[in-house]
Amino acid sequence: SIKIGEKILITSDDITINKEIKFLCNFSNYILLKSETSKIPFS
């Protein structure tokens, strides 16, 4: 639902999301700009 060039901040407490987001960005039309995984919730 977001437009090209838009950014989205995602927060989650799911420990598996780190791997999934990296996979999504590697194989889709998204760039991971920033990640904070040192504490829950991850962003």
PDB file of all heavy atoms in Angstrom:
ATOM      1  N   SER A   1       0.798  -1.227   0.000  1.00  0.00           N
ATOM      2  CA  SER A   1       0.000   0.000   0.000  1.00  0.00           C
ATOM      3  C   SER A   1       0.834   1.282   0.000  1.00  0.00           C
ATOM      4  O   SER A   1       0.278   2.349  -0.195  1.00  0.00           O
ATOM      5  CB  SER A   1      -0.947   0.012   1.204  1.00  0.00           C
ATOM      6  OG  SER A   1      -0.225   0.201   2.405  1.00  0.00           O
ATOM      7  N   ILE A   2       2.142   1.174   0.214  1.00  0.00           N
ATOM      8  CA  ILE A   2       2.940   2.403   0.230  1.00  0.00           C
ATOM      9  C   ILE A   2       3.456   2.708  -1.176  1.00  0.00           C
ATOM     10  O   ILE A   2       3.564   1.824  -2.022  1.00  0.00           O
ATOM     11  CB  ILE A   2       4.098   2.343   1.250  1.00  0.00           C
ATOM     12  CG1 ILE A   2       5.141   1.311   0.879  1.00  0.00           C
ATOM     13  CG2 ILE A   2       3.566   2.116   2.646  1.00  0.00           C
ATOM     14  CD1 ILE A   2       6.377   1.342   1.760  1.00  0.00           C
ATOM     15  N   LYS A   3       3.764   3.967  -1.409  1.00  0.00           N
ATOM     16  CA  LYS A   3       4.202   4.429  -2.723  1.00  0.00           C
ATOM     17  C   LYS A   3       5.721   4.315  -2.855  1.00  0.00           C
ATOM     18  O   LYS A   3       6.438   4.269  -1.851  1.00  0.00           O
ATOM     19  CB  LYS A   3       3.783   5.884  -2.930  1.00  0.00           C
ATOM     20  CG  LYS A   3       2.292   6.071  -2.933  1.00  0.00           C
ATOM     21  CD  LYS A   3       1.928   7.524  -3.046  1.00  0.00           C
ATOM     22  CE  LYS A   3       0.423   7.689  -2.949  1.00  0.00           C
ATOM     23  NZ  LYS A   3       0.030   9.070  -2.861  1.00  0.00           N
ATOM     24  N   ILE A   4       6.193   4.314  -4.092  1.00  0.00           N
ATOM     25  CA  ILE A   4       7.629   4.284  -4.361  1.00  0.00           C
ATOM     26  C   ILE A   4       8.283   5.498  -3.715  1.00  0.00           C
ATOM     27  O   ILE A   4       7.788   6.616  -3.817  1.00  0.00           O
ATOM     28  CB  ILE A   4       7.890   4.271  -5.878  1.00  0.00           C
ATOM     29  CG1 ILE A   4       7.360   2.973  -6.482  1.00  0.00           C
ATOM     30  CG2 ILE A   4       9.379   4.431  -6.177  1.00  0.00           C
ATOM     31  CD1 ILE A   4       7.384   2.930  -7.986  1.00  0.00           C
ATOM     32  N   GLY A   5       9.388   5.257  -3.021  1.00  0.00           N
ATOM     33  CA  GLY A   5      10.114   6.324  -2.341  1.00  0.00           C
ATOM     34  C   GLY A   5       9.700   6.532  -0.896  1.00  0.00           C
ATOM     35  O   GLY A   5      10.407   7.195  -0.146  1.00  0.00           O
ATOM     36  N   GLU A   6       8.565   5.995  -0.508  1.00  0.00           N
ATOM     37  CA  GLU A   6       8.118   6.133   0.873  1.00  0.00           C
ATOM     38  C   GLU A   6       8.895   5.207   1.791  1.00  0.00           C
ATOM     39  O   GLU A   6       9.356   4.140   1.381  1.00  0.00           O
ATOM     40  CB  GLU A   6       6.629   5.811   1.010  1.00  0.00           C
ATOM     41  CG  GLU A   6       5.722   6.928   0.599  1.00  0.00           C
ATOM     42  CD  GLU A   6       4.266   6.634   0.928  1.00  0.00           C
ATOM     43  OE1 GLU A   6       3.804   5.517   0.670  1.00  0.00           O
ATOM     44  OE2 GLU A   6       3.617   7.553   1.456  1.00  0.00           O
ATOM     45  N   LYS A   7       8.989   5.624   3.031  1.00  0.00           N
ATOM     46  CA  LYS A   7       9.651   4.831   4.062  1.00  0.00           C
ATOM     47  C   LYS A   7       8.612   4.359   5.064  1.00  0.00           C
ATOM     48  O   LYS A   7       7.580   5.005   5.245  1.00  0.00           O
ATOM     49  CB  LYS A   7      10.690   5.671   4.795  1.00  0.00           C
ATOM     50  CG  LYS A   7      11.810   6.154   3.925  1.00  0.00           C
ATOM     51  CD  LYS A   7      12.723   7.053   4.710  1.00  0.00           C
ATOM     52  CE  LYS A   7      13.710   7.737   3.800  1.00  0.00           C
ATOM     53  NZ  LYS A   7      14.496   8.728   4.542  1.00  0.00           N
ATOM     54  N   ILE A   8       8.923   3.240   5.705  1.00  0.00           N
ATOM     55  CA  ILE A   8       8.046   2.712   6.736  1.00  0.00           C
ATOM     56  C   ILE A   8       8.899   2.265   7.914  1.00  0.00           C
ATOM     57  O   ILE A   8       9.946   1.648   7.729  1.00  0.00           O
ATOM     58  CB  ILE A   8       7.164   1.567   6.199  1.00  0.00           C
ATOM     59  CG1 ILE A   8       6.169   1.089   7.258  1.00  0.00           C
ATOM     60  CG2 ILE A   8       7.985   0.421   5.669  1.00  0.00           C
ATOM     61  CD1 ILE A   8       5.096   0.171   6.729  1.00  0.00           C
ATOM     62  N   LEU A   9       8.472   2.628   9.105  1.00  0.00           N
ATOM     63  CA  LEU A   9       9.123   2.196  10.343  1.00  0.00           C
ATOM     64  C   LEU A   9       8.318   1.043  10.894  1.00  0.00           C
ATOM     65  O   LEU A   9       7.124   1.176  11.141  1.00  0.00           O
ATOM     66  CB  LEU A   9       9.185   3.338  11.355  1.00  0.00           C
ATOM     67  CG  LEU A   9       9.695   2.961  12.742  1.00  0.00           C
ATOM     68  CD1 LEU A   9      11.158   2.523  12.681  1.00  0.00           C
ATOM     69  CD2 LEU A   9       9.525   4.106  13.704  1.00  0.00           C
ATOM     70  N   ILE A  10       8.968  -0.099  11.063  1.00  0.00           N
ATOM     71  CA  ILE A  10       8.315  -1.311  11.542  1.00  0.00           C
ATOM     72  C   ILE A  10       8.826  -1.620  12.930  1.00  0.00           C
ATOM     73  O   ILE A  10      10.043  -1.591  13.166  1.00  0.00           O
ATOM     74  CB  ILE A  10       8.627  -2.490  10.607  1.00  0.00           C
ATOM     75  CG1 ILE A  10       8.162  -2.172   9.191  1.00  0.00           C
ATOM     76  CG2 ILE A  10       8.020  -3.778  11.118  1.00  0.00           C
ATOM     77  CD1 ILE A  10       8.947  -2.856   8.134  1.00  0.00           C
ATOM     78  N   THR A  11       7.921  -1.913  13.849  1.00  0.00           N
ATOM     79  CA  THR A  11       8.317  -2.370  15.176  1.00  0.00           C
ATOM     80  C   THR A  11       7.703  -3.735  15.418  1.00  0.00           C
ATOM     81  O   THR A  11       6.562  -3.987  15.030  1.00  0.00           O
ATOM     82  CB  THR A  11       7.871  -1.399  16.287  1.00  0.00           C
ATOM     83  OG1 THR A  11       6.459  -1.288  16.267  1.00  0.00           O
ATOM     84  CG2 THR A  11       8.504  -0.029  16.117  1.00  0.00           C
ATOM     85  N   SER A  12       8.491  -4.628  16.048  1.00  0.00           N
ATOM     86  CA  SER A  12       8.007  -5.975  16.311  1.00  0.00           C
ATOM     87  C   SER A  12       8.781  -6.581  17.469  1.00  0.00           C
ATOM     88  O   SER A  12       9.962  -6.290  17.667  1.00  0.00           O
ATOM     89  CB  SER A  12       8.189  -6.847  15.064  1.00  0.00           C
ATOM     90  OG  SER A  12       7.798  -8.170  15.330  1.00  0.00           O
ATOM     91  N   ASP A  13       8.092  -7.444  18.212  1.00  0.00           N
ATOM     92  CA  ASP A  13       8.761  -8.182  19.282  1.00  0.00           C
ATOM     93  C   ASP A  13       8.975  -9.648  18.902  1.00  0.00           C
ATOM     94  O   ASP A  13       9.355 -10.465  19.724  1.00  0.00           O
ATOM     95  CB  ASP A  13       7.979  -8.072  20.586  1.00  0.00           C
ATOM     96  CG  ASP A  13       6.538  -8.529  20.468  1.00  0.00           C
ATOM     97  OD1 ASP A  13       6.108  -8.893  19.357  1.00  0.00           O
ATOM     98  OD2 ASP A  13       5.834  -8.505  21.478  1.00  0.00           O
ATOM     99  N   ASP A  14       8.752  -9.982  17.635  1.00  0.00           N
ATOM    100  CA  ASP A  14       8.951 -11.338  17.122  1.00  0.00           C
ATOM    101  C   ASP A  14      10.437 -11.551  16.832  1.00  0.00           C
ATOM    102  O   ASP A  14      11.029 -10.813  16.040  1.00  0.00           O
ATOM    103  CB  ASP A  14       8.132 -11.534  15.849  1.00  0.00           C
ATOM    104  CG  ASP A  14       8.220 -12.938  15.272  1.00  0.00           C
ATOM    105  OD1 ASP A  14       8.865 -13.803  15.892  1.00  0.00           O
ATOM    106  OD2 ASP A  14       7.637 -13.158  14.199  1.00  0.00           O
ATOM    107  N   ILE A  15      11.046 -12.541  17.457  1.00  0.00           N
ATOM    108  CA  ILE A  15      12.489 -12.744  17.301  1.00  0.00           C
ATOM    109  C   ILE A  15      12.876 -13.264  15.916  1.00  0.00           C
ATOM    110  O   ILE A  15      14.027 -13.153  15.526  1.00  0.00           O
ATOM    111  CB  ILE A  15      13.041 -13.693  18.389  1.00  0.00           C
ATOM    112  CG1 ILE A  15      12.355 -15.054  18.329  1.00  0.00           C
ATOM    113  CG2 ILE A  15      12.919 -13.070  19.765  1.00  0.00           C
ATOM    114  CD1 ILE A  15      12.964 -16.095  19.246  1.00  0.00           C
ATOM    115  N   THR A  16      11.938 -13.781  15.155  1.00  0.00           N
ATOM    116  CA  THR A  16      12.255 -14.286  13.815  1.00  0.00           C
ATOM    117  C   THR A  16      12.195 -13.214  12.734  1.00  0.00           C
ATOM    118  O   THR A  16      12.627 -13.448  11.608  1.00  0.00           O
ATOM    119  CB  THR A  16      11.296 -15.420  13.417  1.00  0.00           C
ATOM    120  OG1 THR A  16       9.968 -14.916  13.351  1.00  0.00           O
ATOM    121  CG2 THR A  16      11.369 -16.569  14.407  1.00  0.00           C
ATOM    122  N   ILE A  17      11.709 -12.036  13.061  1.00  0.00           N
ATOM    123  CA  ILE A  17      11.489 -11.016  12.032  1.00  0.00           C
ATOM    124  C   ILE A  17      12.798 -10.470  11.454  1.00  0.00           C
ATOM    125  O   ILE A  17      12.840 -10.071  10.297  1.00  0.00           O
ATOM    126  CB  ILE A  17      10.584  -9.871  12.535  1.00  0.00           C
ATOM    127  CG1 ILE A  17      10.048  -9.080  11.350  1.00  0.00           C
ATOM    128  CG2 ILE A  17      11.314  -8.981  13.521  1.00  0.00           C
ATOM    129  CD1 ILE A  17       8.917  -8.153  11.656  1.00  0.00           C
ATOM    130  N   ASN A  18      13.865 -10.471  12.212  1.00  0.00           N
ATOM    131  CA  ASN A  18      15.135  -9.957  11.705  1.00  0.00           C
ATOM    132  C   ASN A  18      15.555 -10.702  10.440  1.00  0.00           C
ATOM    133  O   ASN A  18      15.884 -10.083   9.421  1.00  0.00           O
ATOM    134  CB  ASN A  18      16.223 -10.058  12.783  1.00  0.00           C
ATOM    135  CG  ASN A  18      17.503  -9.382  12.367  1.00  0.00           C
ATOM    136  OD1 ASN A  18      17.487  -8.329  11.752  1.00  0.00           O
ATOM    137  ND2 ASN A  18      18.611  -9.996  12.702  1.00  0.00           N
ATOM    138  N   LYS A  19      15.543 -11.991  10.490  1.00  0.00           N
ATOM    139  CA  LYS A  19      15.905 -12.812   9.331  1.00  0.00           C
ATOM    140  C   LYS A  19      14.912 -12.608   8.188  1.00  0.00           C
ATOM    141  O   LYS A  19      15.306 -12.492   7.021  1.00  0.00           O
ATOM    142  CB  LYS A  19      15.935 -14.279   9.743  1.00  0.00           C
ATOM    143  CG  LYS A  19      16.307 -15.227   8.658  1.00  0.00           C
ATOM    144  CD  LYS A  19      16.311 -16.644   9.180  1.00  0.00           C
ATOM    145  CE  LYS A  19      16.521 -17.643   8.070  1.00  0.00           C
ATOM    146  NZ  LYS A  19      16.432 -19.018   8.547  1.00  0.00           N
ATOM    147  N   GLU A  20      13.641 -12.541   8.505  1.00  0.00           N
ATOM    148  CA  GLU A  20      12.601 -12.398   7.487  1.00  0.00           C
ATOM    149  C   GLU A  20      12.670 -11.053   6.771  1.00  0.00           C
ATOM    150  O   GLU A  20      12.487 -10.979   5.558  1.00  0.00           O
ATOM    151  CB  GLU A  20      11.216 -12.584   8.113  1.00  0.00           C
ATOM    152  CG  GLU A  20      10.976 -13.967   8.655  1.00  0.00           C
ATOM    153  CD  GLU A  20      10.939 -15.037   7.574  1.00  0.00           C
ATOM    154  OE1 GLU A  20      10.515 -14.742   6.445  1.00  0.00           O
ATOM    155  OE2 GLU A  20      11.329 -16.173   7.867  1.00  0.00           O
ATOM    156  N   ILE A  21      12.935  -9.981   7.497  1.00  0.00           N
ATOM    157  CA  ILE A  21      13.020  -8.656   6.871  1.00  0.00           C
ATOM    158  C   ILE A  21      14.238  -8.572   5.962  1.00  0.00           C
ATOM    159  O   ILE A  21      14.163  -8.025   4.864  1.00  0.00           O
ATOM    160  CB  ILE A  21      13.011  -7.539   7.935  1.00  0.00           C
ATOM    161  CG1 ILE A  21      11.588  -7.381   8.444  1.00  0.00           C
ATOM    162  CG2 ILE A  21      13.546  -6.226   7.374  1.00  0.00           C
ATOM    163  CD1 ILE A  21      11.329  -6.227   9.347  1.00  0.00           C
ATOM    164  N   LYS A  22      15.354  -9.115   6.391  1.00  0.00           N
ATOM    165  CA  LYS A  22      16.545  -9.122   5.530  1.00  0.00           C
ATOM    166  C   LYS A  22      16.272  -9.902   4.249  1.00  0.00           C
ATOM    167  O   LYS A  22      16.646  -9.479   3.157  1.00  0.00           O
ATOM    168  CB  LYS A  22      17.730  -9.707   6.277  1.00  0.00           C
ATOM    169  CG  LYS A  22      18.262  -8.776   7.338  1.00  0.00           C
ATOM    170  CD  LYS A  22      19.418  -9.382   8.082  1.00  0.00           C
ATOM    171  CE  LYS A  22      19.908  -8.441   9.170  1.00  0.00           C
ATOM    172  NZ  LYS A  22      20.993  -9.038   9.955  1.00  0.00           N
ATOM    173  N   PHE A  23      15.615 -11.048   4.367  1.00  0.00           N
ATOM    174  CA  PHE A  23      15.264 -11.852   3.209  1.00  0.00           C
ATOM    175  C   PHE A  23      14.318 -11.083   2.283  1.00  0.00           C
ATOM    176  O   PHE A  23      14.509 -11.054   1.068  1.00  0.00           O
ATOM    177  CB  PHE A  23      14.619 -13.166   3.667  1.00  0.00           C
ATOM    178  CG  PHE A  23      14.286 -14.095   2.547  1.00  0.00           C
ATOM    179  CD1 PHE A  23      15.272 -14.870   1.958  1.00  0.00           C
ATOM    180  CD2 PHE A  23      12.982 -14.209   2.093  1.00  0.00           C
ATOM    181  CE1 PHE A  23      14.960 -15.736   0.913  1.00  0.00           C
ATOM    182  CE2 PHE A  23      12.663 -15.073   1.053  1.00  0.00           C
ATOM    183  CZ  PHE A  23      13.657 -15.840   0.467  1.00  0.00           C
ATOM    184  N   LEU A  24      13.312 -10.435   2.850  1.00  0.00           N
ATOM    185  CA  LEU A  24      12.357  -9.651   2.078  1.00  0.00           C
ATOM    186  C   LEU A  24      13.063  -8.552   1.288  1.00  0.00           C
ATOM    187  O   LEU A  24      12.806  -8.368   0.097  1.00  0.00           O
ATOM    188  CB  LEU A  24      11.304  -9.036   3.013  1.00  0.00           C
ATOM    189  CG  LEU A  24      10.310  -8.075   2.373  1.00  0.00           C
ATOM    190  CD1 LEU A  24       9.297  -8.837   1.534  1.00  0.00           C
ATOM    191  CD2 LEU A  24       9.597  -7.270   3.439  1.00  0.00           C
ATOM    192  N   CYS A  25      13.974  -7.839   1.930  1.00  0.00           N
ATOM    193  CA  CYS A  25      14.672  -6.740   1.261  1.00  0.00           C
ATOM    194  C   CYS A  25      15.653  -7.242   0.202  1.00  0.00           C
ATOM    195  O   CYS A  25      15.853  -6.581  -0.813  1.00  0.00           O
ATOM    196  CB  CYS A  25      15.384  -5.869   2.286  1.00  0.00           C
ATOM    197  SG  CYS A  25      14.235  -4.924   3.307  1.00  0.00           S
ATOM    198  N   ASN A  26      16.252  -8.392   0.417  1.00  0.00           N
ATOM    199  CA  ASN A  26      17.190  -8.932  -0.564  1.00  0.00           C
ATOM    200  C   ASN A  26      16.501  -9.391  -1.838  1.00  0.00           C
ATOM    201  O   ASN A  26      17.099  -9.364  -2.911  1.00  0.00           O
ATOM    202  CB  ASN A  26      17.992 -10.094   0.029  1.00  0.00           C
ATOM    203  CG  ASN A  26      19.071  -9.631   0.964  1.00  0.00           C
ATOM    204  OD1 ASN A  26      19.552  -8.522   0.875  1.00  0.00           O
ATOM    205  ND2 ASN A  26      19.448 -10.491   1.890  1.00  0.00           N
ATOM    206  N   PHE A  27      15.248  -9.813  -1.740  1.00  0.00           N
ATOM    207  CA  PHE A  27      14.565 -10.391  -2.884  1.00  0.00           C
ATOM    208  C   PHE A  27      13.331  -9.615  -3.329  1.00  0.00           C
ATOM    209  O   PHE A  27      12.537 -10.132  -4.112  1.00  0.00           O
ATOM    210  CB  PHE A  27      14.191 -11.853  -2.579  1.00  0.00           C
ATOM    211  CG  PHE A  27      15.400 -12.717  -2.390  1.00  0.00           C
ATOM    212  CD1 PHE A  27      15.819 -13.068  -1.123  1.00  0.00           C
ATOM    213  CD2 PHE A  27      16.134 -13.142  -3.482  1.00  0.00           C
ATOM    214  CE1 PHE A  27      16.952 -13.850  -0.942  1.00  0.00           C
ATOM    215  CE2 PHE A  27      17.266 -13.928  -3.321  1.00  0.00           C
ATOM    216  CZ  PHE A  27      17.673 -14.284  -2.048  1.00  0.00           C
ATOM    217  N   SER A  28      13.179  -8.389  -2.864  1.00  0.00           N
ATOM    218  CA  SER A  28      12.019  -7.579  -3.237  1.00  0.00           C
ATOM    219  C   SER A  28      12.461  -6.162  -3.572  1.00  0.00           C
ATOM    220  O   SER A  28      13.642  -5.876  -3.639  1.00  0.00           O
ATOM    221  CB  SER A  28      11.000  -7.556  -2.098  1.00  0.00           C
ATOM    222  OG  SER A  28      10.511  -8.846  -1.847  1.00  0.00           O
ATOM    223  N   ASN A  29      11.504  -5.283  -3.718  1.00  0.00           N
ATOM    224  CA  ASN A  29      11.765  -3.896  -4.122  1.00  0.00           C
ATOM    225  C   ASN A  29      11.855  -2.950  -2.931  1.00  0.00           C
ATOM    226  O   ASN A  29      11.289  -1.871  -2.948  1.00  0.00           O
ATOM    227  CB  ASN A  29      10.656  -3.439  -5.073  1.00  0.00           C
ATOM    228  CG  ASN A  29      10.588  -4.297  -6.302  1.00  0.00           C
ATOM    229  OD1 ASN A  29      11.616  -4.683  -6.850  1.00  0.00           O
ATOM    230  ND2 ASN A  29       9.392  -4.619  -6.730  1.00  0.00           N
ATOM    231  N   TYR A  30      12.591  -3.382  -1.901  1.00  0.00           N
ATOM    232  CA  TYR A  30      12.716  -2.585  -0.688  1.00  0.00           C
ATOM    233  C   TYR A  30      14.174  -2.558  -0.257  1.00  0.00           C
ATOM    234  O   TYR A  30      14.920  -3.494  -0.493  1.00  0.00           O
ATOM    235  CB  TYR A  30      11.853  -3.167   0.438  1.00  0.00           C
ATOM    236  CG  TYR A  30      10.427  -3.354   0.030  1.00  0.00           C
ATOM    237  CD1 TYR A  30       9.960  -4.587  -0.403  1.00  0.00           C
ATOM    238  CD2 TYR A  30       9.550  -2.281   0.036  1.00  0.00           C
ATOM    239  CE1 TYR A  30       8.648  -4.752  -0.809  1.00  0.00           C
ATOM    240  CE2 TYR A  30       8.236  -2.440  -0.368  1.00  0.00           C
ATOM    241  CZ  TYR A  30       7.795  -3.677  -0.798  1.00  0.00           C
ATOM    242  OH  TYR A  30       6.507  -3.829  -1.208  1.00  0.00           O
ATOM    243  N   ILE A  31      14.560  -1.472   0.402  1.00  0.00           N
ATOM    244  CA  ILE A  31      15.899  -1.337   0.962  1.00  0.00           C
ATOM    245  C   ILE A  31      15.762  -1.199   2.473  1.00  0.00           C
ATOM    246  O   ILE A  31      14.960  -0.398   2.955  1.00  0.00           O
ATOM    247  CB  ILE A  31      16.622  -0.090   0.415  1.00  0.00           C
ATOM    248  CG1 ILE A  31      16.835  -0.201  -1.086  1.00  0.00           C
ATOM    249  CG2 ILE A  31      17.951   0.127   1.118  1.00  0.00           C
ATOM    250  CD1 ILE A  31      17.438   1.049  -1.704  1.00  0.00           C
ATOM    251  N   LEU A  32      16.545  -1.971   3.201  1.00  0.00           N
ATOM    252  CA  LEU A  32      16.596  -1.844   4.659  1.00  0.00           C
ATOM    253  C   LEU A  32      17.540  -0.697   4.973  1.00  0.00           C
ATOM    254  O   LEU A  32      18.745  -0.789   4.761  1.00  0.00           O
ATOM    255  CB  LEU A  32      17.081  -3.147   5.287  1.00  0.00           C
ATOM    256  CG  LEU A  32      17.194  -3.167   6.808  1.00  0.00           C
ATOM    257  CD1 LEU A  32      15.845  -2.888   7.464  1.00  0.00           C
ATOM    258  CD2 LEU A  32      17.753  -4.493   7.273  1.00  0.00           C
ATOM    259  N   LEU A  33      16.991   0.419   5.437  1.00  0.00           N
ATOM    260  CA  LEU A  33      17.784   1.609   5.715  1.00  0.00           C
ATOM    261  C   LEU A  33      18.408   1.575   7.108  1.00  0.00           C
ATOM    262  O   LEU A  33      19.526   2.051   7.301  1.00  0.00           O
ATOM    263  CB  LEU A  33      16.918   2.866   5.584  1.00  0.00           C
ATOM    264  CG  LEU A  33      16.307   3.120   4.209  1.00  0.00           C
ATOM    265  CD1 LEU A  33      15.347   4.293   4.283  1.00  0.00           C
ATOM    266  CD2 LEU A  33      17.400   3.361   3.179  1.00  0.00           C
ATOM    267  N   LYS A  34      17.661   1.050   8.062  1.00  0.00           N
ATOM    268  CA  LYS A  34      18.118   1.069   9.447  1.00  0.00           C
ATOM    269  C   LYS A  34      17.455  -0.061  10.212  1.00  0.00           C
ATOM    270  O   LYS A  34      16.291  -0.373   9.976  1.00  0.00           O
ATOM    271  CB  LYS A  34      17.755   2.415  10.082  1.00  0.00           C
ATOM    272  CG  LYS A  34      18.244   2.610  11.476  1.00  0.00           C
ATOM    273  CD  LYS A  34      17.859   3.985  11.995  1.00  0.00           C
ATOM    274  CE  LYS A  34      18.281   4.151  13.432  1.00  0.00           C
ATOM    275  NZ  LYS A  34      17.867   5.433  13.981  1.00  0.00           N
ATOM    276  N   SER A  35      18.216  -0.676  11.108  1.00  0.00           N
ATOM    277  CA  SER A  35      17.621  -1.686  11.985  1.00  0.00           C
ATOM    278  C   SER A  35      18.176  -1.515  13.389  1.00  0.00           C
ATOM    279  O   SER A  35      19.349  -1.190  13.568  1.00  0.00           O
ATOM    280  CB  SER A  35      17.895  -3.098  11.462  1.00  0.00           C
ATOM    281  OG  SER A  35      19.261  -3.391  11.489  1.00  0.00           O
ATOM    282  N   GLU A  36      17.327  -1.721  14.356  1.00  0.00           N
ATOM    283  CA  GLU A  36      17.697  -1.662  15.774  1.00  0.00           C
ATOM    284  C   GLU A  36      17.249  -2.978  16.395  1.00  0.00           C
ATOM    285  O   GLU A  36      16.054  -3.189  16.625  1.00  0.00           O
ATOM    286  CB  GLU A  36      17.027  -0.477  16.454  1.00  0.00           C
ATOM    287  CG  GLU A  36      17.272  -0.393  17.936  1.00  0.00           C
ATOM    288  CD  GLU A  36      18.742  -0.328  18.308  1.00  0.00           C
ATOM    289  OE1 GLU A  36      19.457   0.535  17.780  1.00  0.00           O
ATOM    290  OE2 GLU A  36      19.176  -1.156  19.128  1.00  0.00           O
ATOM    291  N   THR A  37      18.210  -3.868  16.630  1.00  0.00           N
ATOM    292  CA  THR A  37      17.884  -5.203  17.134  1.00  0.00           C
ATOM    293  C   THR A  37      18.537  -5.499  18.472  1.00  0.00           C
ATOM    294  O   THR A  37      18.590  -6.651  18.882  1.00  0.00           O
ATOM    295  CB  THR A  37      18.295  -6.271  16.102  1.00  0.00           C
ATOM    296  OG1 THR A  37      19.696  -6.147  15.837  1.00  0.00           O
ATOM    297  CG2 THR A  37      17.512  -6.132  14.813  1.00  0.00           C
ATOM    298  N   SER A  38      19.024  -4.484  19.156  1.00  0.00           N
ATOM    299  CA  SER A  38      19.694  -4.706  20.433  1.00  0.00           C
ATOM    300  C   SER A  38      18.705  -4.873  21.596  1.00  0.00           C
ATOM    301  O   SER A  38      19.080  -5.369  22.648  1.00  0.00           O
ATOM    302  CB  SER A  38      20.668  -3.575  20.736  1.00  0.00           C
ATOM    303  OG  SER A  38      19.994  -2.346  20.827  1.00  0.00           O
ATOM    304  N   LYS A  39      17.462  -4.441  21.396  1.00  0.00           N
ATOM    305  CA  LYS A  39      16.460  -4.579  22.452  1.00  0.00           C
ATOM    306  C   LYS A  39      15.086  -4.765  21.826  1.00  0.00           C
ATOM    307  O   LYS A  39      14.852  -4.382  20.684  1.00  0.00           O
ATOM    308  CB  LYS A  39      16.464  -3.366  23.378  1.00  0.00           C
ATOM    309  CG  LYS A  39      16.165  -2.067  22.684  1.00  0.00           C
ATOM    310  CD  LYS A  39      16.225  -0.878  23.603  1.00  0.00           C
ATOM    311  CE  LYS A  39      16.127   0.362  22.748  1.00  0.00           C
ATOM    312  NZ  LYS A  39      15.197   1.310  23.167  1.00  0.00           N
ATOM    313  N   ILE A  40      14.210  -5.366  22.591  1.00  0.00           N
ATOM    314  CA  ILE A  40      12.833  -5.587  22.147  1.00  0.00           C
ATOM    315  C   ILE A  40      11.986  -4.403  22.588  1.00  0.00           C
ATOM    316  O   ILE A  40      12.119  -3.965  23.720  1.00  0.00           O
ATOM    317  CB  ILE A  40      12.288  -6.906  22.730  1.00  0.00           C
ATOM    318  CG1 ILE A  40      13.089  -8.071  22.172  1.00  0.00           C
ATOM    319  CG2 ILE A  40      10.811  -7.078  22.438  1.00  0.00           C
ATOM    320  CD1 ILE A  40      12.731  -9.417  22.742  1.00  0.00           C
ATOM    321  N   PRO A  41      11.130  -3.844  21.761  1.00  0.00           N
ATOM    322  CA  PRO A  41      10.794  -4.264  20.409  1.00  0.00           C
ATOM    323  C   PRO A  41      11.869  -3.845  19.403  1.00  0.00           C
ATOM    324  O   PRO A  41      12.487  -2.791  19.544  1.00  0.00           O
ATOM    325  CB  PRO A  41       9.475  -3.562  20.117  1.00  0.00           C
ATOM    326  CG  PRO A  41       9.519  -2.322  20.958  1.00  0.00           C
ATOM    327  CD  PRO A  41      10.307  -2.714  22.192  1.00  0.00           C
ATOM    328  N   PHE A  42      12.069  -4.690  18.411  1.00  0.00           N
ATOM    329  CA  PHE A  42      13.005  -4.396  17.336  1.00  0.00           C
ATOM    330  C   PHE A  42      12.374  -3.351  16.421  1.00  0.00           C
ATOM    331  O   PHE A  42      11.150  -3.265  16.320  1.00  0.00           O
ATOM    332  CB  PHE A  42      13.307  -5.659  16.530  1.00  0.00           C
ATOM    333  CG  PHE A  42      13.734  -6.825  17.374  1.00  0.00           C
ATOM    334  CD1 PHE A  42      13.000  -7.987  17.396  1.00  0.00           C
ATOM    335  CD2 PHE A  42      14.876  -6.751  18.159  1.00  0.00           C
ATOM    336  CE1 PHE A  42      13.391  -9.074  18.166  1.00  0.00           C
ATOM    337  CE2 PHE A  42      15.279  -7.824  18.935  1.00  0.00           C
ATOM    338  CZ  PHE A  42      14.534  -8.987  18.940  1.00  0.00           C
ATOM    339  N   SER A  43      13.212  -2.570  15.753  1.00  0.00           N
ATOM    340  CA  SER A  43      12.671  -1.599  14.803  1.00  0.00           C
ATOM    341  C   SER A  43      13.493  -1.624  13.518  1.00  0.00           C
ATOM    342  O   SER A  43      14.709  -1.845  13.538  1.00  0.00           O
ATOM    343  CB  SER A  43      12.649  -0.192  15.399  1.00  0.00           C
ATOM    344  OG  SER A  43      13.945   0.271  15.640  1.00  0.00           O
TER     345      SER A  43
END
